[in-house]
Structures are given as structure tokens and as C-alpha cells.
Protein backbone atom coordinates (compact mmCIF):
# COMPACT_ATOMS: atom_id res chain seq x y z
CA MET A 1 37.69 -31.14 -33.46
CA LYS A 2 37.58 -27.57 -31.84
CA SER A 3 33.63 -27.10 -31.99
CA PHE A 4 33.77 -30.57 -30.20
CA ALA A 5 36.09 -29.61 -27.12
CA PHE A 6 34.01 -26.15 -27.01
CA LEU A 7 30.31 -28.83 -26.95
CA LEU A 8 32.08 -30.71 -24.41
CA PHE A 9 33.47 -27.35 -22.05
CA ALA A 10 30.02 -25.99 -22.17
CA LEU A 11 28.37 -29.20 -20.85
CA PHE A 12 30.94 -29.39 -18.07
CA LEU A 13 30.06 -25.86 -17.31
CA SER A 14 26.20 -26.22 -17.48
CA LYS A 15 26.53 -29.44 -15.04
CA PHE A 16 28.86 -28.16 -12.40
CA GLY A 17 30.12 -24.85 -13.34
CA PHE A 18 26.54 -23.14 -11.91
CA SER A 19 25.06 -25.55 -10.10
CA GLN A 20 22.95 -23.91 -6.86
CA GLY A 21 20.03 -26.57 -6.66
CA ASN A 22 16.12 -26.12 -6.83
CA LEU A 23 13.86 -25.57 -4.74
CA GLN A 24 10.74 -27.38 -3.57
CA PHE A 25 7.90 -26.13 -1.48
CA ASN A 26 7.66 -27.24 1.98
CA GLN A 27 5.19 -25.38 4.26
CA VAL A 28 3.88 -22.08 5.06
CA LYS A 29 4.36 -20.67 8.20
CA LEU A 30 3.24 -17.77 10.51
CA VAL A 31 6.25 -16.88 12.71
CA SER A 32 5.45 -14.91 15.70
CA THR A 33 8.54 -15.23 18.01
CA ILE A 34 12.15 -15.80 16.76
CA GLU A 35 12.57 -18.53 14.62
CA THR A 36 15.89 -19.39 12.57
CA VAL A 37 15.85 -20.68 8.92
CA PRO A 38 16.77 -24.16 9.01
CA VAL A 39 19.86 -25.86 7.35
CA GLY A 40 19.19 -26.87 4.09
CA LYS A 41 15.96 -24.52 3.61
CA VAL A 42 15.12 -20.89 2.24
CA TRP A 43 12.46 -18.64 3.13
CA LYS A 44 10.18 -15.99 1.04
CA VAL A 45 8.98 -13.59 3.63
CA GLU A 46 5.58 -12.88 2.15
CA ALA A 47 3.99 -10.26 4.56
CA ALA A 48 3.75 -8.82 8.30
CA PHE A 49 0.34 -8.65 9.84
CA GLY A 50 0.00 -5.49 11.87
CA ASP A 51 -2.31 -4.37 14.50
CA ALA A 52 -5.57 -2.75 12.44
CA LEU A 53 -6.06 -0.10 14.90
CA LEU A 54 -2.86 1.98 16.52
CA SER A 55 -2.92 4.23 19.43
CA ASN A 56 0.50 5.91 20.12
CA CYS A 57 0.51 8.62 22.12
CA SER A 58 4.60 9.47 21.46
CA THR A 59 5.39 8.90 18.03
CA GLN A 60 3.67 8.07 14.72
CA PRO A 61 3.03 4.36 14.43
CA MET A 62 4.86 1.93 12.59
CA HIS A 63 5.32 -1.58 12.10
CA ARG A 64 8.91 -3.50 12.53
CA ILE A 65 9.98 -6.46 12.28
CA VAL A 66 13.39 -8.05 13.19
CA VAL A 67 16.13 -9.80 10.47
CA ASN A 68 19.57 -10.83 11.98
CA ASN A 69 19.14 -8.77 14.93
CA ASN A 70 18.37 -5.83 12.93
CA GLU A 71 15.06 -3.99 13.45
CA LEU A 72 13.57 -3.18 10.06
CA THR A 73 10.47 -1.14 9.61
CA VAL A 74 7.73 -2.23 7.03
CA SER A 75 5.05 -0.24 7.12
CA ASN A 76 3.25 2.12 4.75
CA VAL A 77 1.00 4.58 6.53
CA SER A 78 -2.31 4.48 4.71
CA SER A 79 -4.30 6.56 6.85
CA VAL A 80 -3.31 7.97 10.39
CA SER A 81 -4.47 11.51 11.87
CA PHE A 82 -3.00 13.33 15.01
CA ASN A 83 -5.51 12.58 18.04
CA GLY A 84 -6.06 16.19 19.72
CA TYR A 85 -6.89 13.99 23.24
CA CYS A 86 -3.67 12.41 23.90
CA GLY A 87 -1.23 14.33 21.82
CA GLY A 88 -0.50 11.45 19.63
CA TRP A 89 -1.25 9.55 16.37
CA GLN A 90 -4.02 7.02 15.76
CA GLY A 91 -5.09 5.17 12.62
CA THR A 92 -4.22 2.01 10.75
CA VAL A 93 -0.88 1.04 8.34
CA SER A 94 -0.87 -1.30 5.49
CA VAL A 95 2.36 -3.16 5.72
CA THR A 96 4.45 -3.52 2.38
CA THR A 97 7.99 -3.93 0.99
CA PHE A 98 7.87 -7.58 0.64
CA PRO A 99 8.56 -10.17 -0.52
CA PHE A 100 12.02 -10.71 0.27
CA TRP A 101 14.49 -14.10 0.82
CA LEU A 102 16.45 -15.16 3.93
CA PRO A 103 19.13 -17.57 3.39
CA ALA A 104 19.52 -20.73 6.45
CA GLY A 105 20.96 -19.88 9.63
CA SER A 106 19.04 -16.21 9.57
CA THR A 107 16.72 -15.32 12.29
CA LEU A 108 13.75 -13.75 12.03
CA ALA A 109 10.93 -12.18 14.72
CA ILE A 110 8.45 -10.00 14.91
CA SER A 111 8.65 -6.29 16.70
CA SER A 112 6.61 -3.23 17.23
CA ASN A 113 2.93 -3.55 15.88
CA VAL A 114 3.45 -6.53 14.12
CA VAL A 115 1.42 -9.65 15.20
CA SER A 116 2.98 -12.51 12.78
CA ILE A 117 4.81 -12.84 9.50
CA SER A 118 3.84 -15.16 6.95
CA VAL A 119 6.94 -17.23 5.30
CA ILE A 120 6.91 -19.58 2.64
CA GLU A 121 9.30 -22.58 3.25
CA PHE A 122 11.39 -24.45 0.55
CA ASN A 123 13.97 -27.50 0.96
CA ILE A 124 16.90 -26.59 -1.30
CA ILE A 125 17.12 -29.91 -3.50
CA PRO A 126 20.98 -30.25 -5.02
């Protein structure tokens, strides 16, 4: 009798206790302005596409995106050199630190030296 009650309790927990929904692929997006994750969806942010050649005469170049009004640096400098002509940095930068997930209501936008952000959008199926 105790094992039957435990089995019923375990079935109840597995059905109702930990339900978080399933994800269903919806679309691939390129974000180039500020966008908000819609209700009932989540975004998997895969990559940020940056400028191929940077010329910045004041600081070392970095790729930045904005998540929920917070500017984040997402670059990994692969080859950069100091240009004596303008007294600044020149070179190419590859973007890393991906993927990450954003829940509904989150905002995402490009910032310094990023032209677009690659996103996979999923529907949350209860």
C-alpha cells in the first residue's frame, strides 16, 4: 500500500510539479535594432557579427551589444596592432562568448562595432 501511494505521488510530481514546457523552433532572426523577446517565446543568442576592419584612434576596439539596457563586451581580439599614424588600434576582432538565452520581455540591441546579432527564436509549448 505504501509503494502504491508513493507511485501516485511520484506520478503527480512528474506531471504537475516540474512542468516548465517544451521548446519548439519558430524562426532565425538577425537583430540590428532594439528588439524585445515576445511573450511565450525565448531567444537563443548565437553570435554577433562585427566590422571586419576596425580603425579606432583612441582605444582598443571592442564589440558590444546591449541586453536589458546593459552594454556587454562580447569580443575576443584575434589580431590587432597599434597604428603609429593615428596613434590608435587597427585590426580584426572575432566575436565569442555565445550562446546565451533570453526570456520573454528581455531586450537586445547592437552597440559598438556590431552590425547584427544572430538569434534563434523558440515558442514555449506548455
